[in-house]
N, C-alpha and C. Protein backbone atom coordinates (compact mmCIF):
# COMPACT_ATOMS: atom_id res chain seq x y z
N MET A 1 103.27 98.26 45.32
CA MET A 1 102.55 99.35 44.85
C MET A 1 101.37 99.47 45.51
N THR A 2 100.75 100.69 45.77
CA THR A 2 99.82 100.95 46.66
C THR A 2 98.70 101.40 45.84
N ASP A 3 97.65 100.83 45.43
CA ASP A 3 96.50 101.25 44.59
C ASP A 3 95.15 102.11 45.60
N TYR A 4 94.76 102.99 45.05
CA TYR A 4 93.74 103.78 45.61
C TYR A 4 92.78 103.98 44.79
N GLU A 5 91.50 103.91 45.43
CA GLU A 5 90.54 104.57 44.76
C GLU A 5 90.05 106.09 45.34
N TYR A 6 89.37 106.73 44.41
CA TYR A 6 88.95 108.22 44.34
C TYR A 6 87.60 108.26 44.47
N ARG A 7 87.23 109.59 45.32
CA ARG A 7 85.98 109.99 45.34
C ARG A 7 85.94 111.35 45.28
N ILE A 8 85.07 112.03 44.15
CA ILE A 8 85.36 113.62 44.15
C ILE A 8 84.14 114.12 44.51
N LEU A 9 84.21 114.94 45.71
CA LEU A 9 83.09 115.84 46.05
C LEU A 9 83.06 117.25 45.46
N THR A 10 82.03 117.71 45.06
CA THR A 10 81.99 119.00 44.44
C THR A 10 81.10 119.60 45.35
N PHE A 11 81.47 121.01 45.35
CA PHE A 11 80.24 121.77 46.40
C PHE A 11 80.46 123.20 45.48
N ASP A 12 78.91 123.57 45.65
CA ASP A 12 78.82 125.01 44.80
C ASP A 12 79.32 126.01 45.75
N ARG A 13 79.09 127.33 44.96
CA ARG A 13 79.73 128.73 45.52
C ARG A 13 78.72 128.97 47.01
N HIS A 14 77.69 128.50 46.98
CA HIS A 14 76.83 128.79 48.27
C HIS A 14 76.94 128.10 49.50
N THR A 15 77.89 126.76 49.24
CA THR A 15 78.14 125.85 50.37
C THR A 15 79.18 126.70 51.27
N SER A 16 78.66 126.66 52.54
CA SER A 16 79.94 127.24 53.14
C SER A 16 81.12 126.40 53.36
N LYS A 17 82.15 127.00 54.05
CA LYS A 17 83.43 126.35 54.21
C LYS A 17 83.12 125.39 55.29
N ALA A 18 82.55 125.57 56.30
CA ALA A 18 82.18 124.60 57.41
C ALA A 18 81.23 123.56 56.91
N GLU A 19 80.25 123.67 56.02
CA GLU A 19 79.56 122.61 55.56
C GLU A 19 80.41 121.49 54.71
N ALA A 20 81.27 122.27 53.65
CA ALA A 20 82.05 121.18 53.01
C ALA A 20 83.03 120.45 54.11
N ARG A 21 83.57 121.16 54.81
CA ARG A 21 84.53 120.35 56.10
C ARG A 21 83.85 119.48 56.67
N GLN A 22 82.48 119.68 56.98
CA GLN A 22 81.87 118.64 57.53
C GLN A 22 81.46 117.31 56.82
N ALA A 23 81.18 117.65 55.47
CA ALA A 23 81.01 116.52 54.56
C ALA A 23 82.08 115.88 54.58
N VAL A 24 83.60 116.41 54.29
CA VAL A 24 84.78 115.67 54.16
C VAL A 24 85.00 114.97 55.60
N ARG A 25 84.75 115.42 56.66
CA ARG A 25 84.93 114.76 58.00
C ARG A 25 83.95 113.30 58.06
N GLU A 26 82.88 113.49 57.66
CA GLU A 26 82.01 112.23 57.69
C GLU A 26 82.47 111.46 57.07
N HIS A 27 82.94 111.81 55.44
CA HIS A 27 83.57 110.63 54.67
C HIS A 27 84.78 109.88 55.31
N ALA A 28 85.55 111.09 55.90
CA ALA A 28 86.88 110.52 56.85
C ALA A 28 86.69 109.13 57.71
N GLU A 29 85.68 109.72 58.49
CA GLU A 29 85.37 109.11 59.84
C GLU A 29 84.50 107.74 59.53
N TYR A 30 83.85 107.86 58.69
CA TYR A 30 82.86 106.51 58.57
C TYR A 30 83.36 105.81 57.35
N GLY A 31 84.02 106.14 56.29
CA GLY A 31 84.47 105.72 55.03
C GLY A 31 85.80 105.33 54.73
N ARG A 32 86.65 105.70 55.90
CA ARG A 32 87.93 105.81 55.75
C ARG A 32 88.66 106.42 54.82
N TRP A 33 88.28 107.56 54.17
CA TRP A 33 88.78 108.02 53.25
C TRP A 33 89.67 109.40 53.85
N GLU A 34 90.73 109.99 53.17
CA GLU A 34 91.81 110.84 53.40
C GLU A 34 91.57 111.95 52.31
N LEU A 35 91.69 113.33 52.65
CA LEU A 35 91.71 114.16 51.88
C LEU A 35 92.83 114.39 50.89
N SER A 36 92.97 114.13 49.64
CA SER A 36 94.12 114.32 48.71
C SER A 36 94.57 115.63 47.97
N ARG A 37 93.38 116.31 47.63
CA ARG A 37 93.62 117.41 46.96
C ARG A 37 92.29 118.43 46.94
N THR A 38 92.30 119.58 46.97
CA THR A 38 91.44 120.77 46.86
C THR A 38 91.71 121.77 46.02
N VAL A 39 90.56 121.94 45.19
CA VAL A 39 90.78 123.19 44.13
C VAL A 39 89.55 123.91 44.30
N VAL A 40 89.74 125.18 44.39
CA VAL A 40 88.75 126.32 44.47
C VAL A 40 88.94 126.82 42.98
N TYR A 41 87.75 126.99 42.36
CA TYR A 41 87.68 127.61 40.86
C TYR A 41 87.34 128.81 41.06
N GLU A 42 87.39 129.57 39.87
CA GLU A 42 87.06 130.90 39.93
C GLU A 42 85.92 131.28 40.32
N GLY A 43 84.63 130.56 40.07
CA GLY A 43 83.32 130.98 40.28
C GLY A 43 82.89 130.91 41.54
N GLY A 44 83.92 130.18 42.31
CA GLY A 44 83.75 129.73 44.07
C GLY A 44 83.30 128.43 44.09
N VAL A 45 83.44 127.23 43.14
CA VAL A 45 83.05 125.96 43.10
C VAL A 45 84.20 125.27 43.79
N ARG A 46 84.01 124.59 44.76
CA ARG A 46 85.17 123.81 45.23
C ARG A 46 84.90 122.27 44.95
N ARG A 47 86.16 121.94 44.72
CA ARG A 47 86.09 120.01 44.35
C ARG A 47 87.08 119.88 44.88
N MET A 48 86.87 118.55 46.03
CA MET A 48 87.72 117.87 46.61
C MET A 48 87.91 116.54 46.48
N TRP A 49 88.93 115.94 46.30
CA TRP A 49 89.40 114.61 46.02
C TRP A 49 89.55 113.82 47.16
N LEU A 50 88.84 112.69 47.11
CA LEU A 50 89.26 112.00 48.65
C LEU A 50 89.76 110.65 47.95
N ARG A 51 90.80 110.01 48.78
CA ARG A 51 91.11 108.58 48.44
C ARG A 51 91.10 107.89 49.69
N ARG A 52 91.05 106.37 49.42
CA ARG A 52 91.42 105.37 50.17
C ARG A 52 92.23 104.20 49.82
N ARG A 53 92.68 103.72 50.42
CA ARG A 53 93.76 102.40 49.87
C ARG A 53 92.73 101.43 49.75
N ILE A 54 93.08 100.70 48.45
CA ILE A 54 92.22 99.47 48.12
C ILE A 54 93.09 98.15 48.90
N MET A 55 92.21 97.47 49.87
CA MET A 55 93.04 96.21 50.43
C MET A 55 92.49 94.96 49.54
N ARG A 56 93.67 94.73 49.32
CA ARG A 56 93.60 93.21 48.47
C ARG A 56 93.49 92.28 49.22
N VAL A 57 92.77 91.14 49.13
CA VAL A 57 92.72 90.01 50.05
C VAL A 57 93.03 88.79 49.55
N GLN A 58 93.93 88.27 50.25
CA GLN A 58 94.54 86.84 49.62
C GLN A 58 93.81 85.93 50.37
N ARG A 59 93.38 84.75 49.29
CA ARG A 59 92.64 83.76 49.77
C ARG A 59 93.48 82.55 50.57
N THR A 60 93.13 82.26 51.77
CA THR A 60 93.77 81.50 52.59
C THR A 60 93.50 80.00 52.34
N ALA A 61 92.57 79.66 51.96
CA ALA A 61 92.19 78.10 51.49
C ALA A 61 92.40 77.64 50.20
């Protein structure tokens, strides 16, 4: 079973699509996040869910 941790980014209606895309790109590049879901609400607010796999480390000694 694969476990994920999630991070939610919220952008108001005055944030451009390019700025939102840049923020997601930076999280993906430096934090190894991937875009899981995007919702645009009626007032223009964008909410993006990012996820990344939780790496479980086995003790060797």
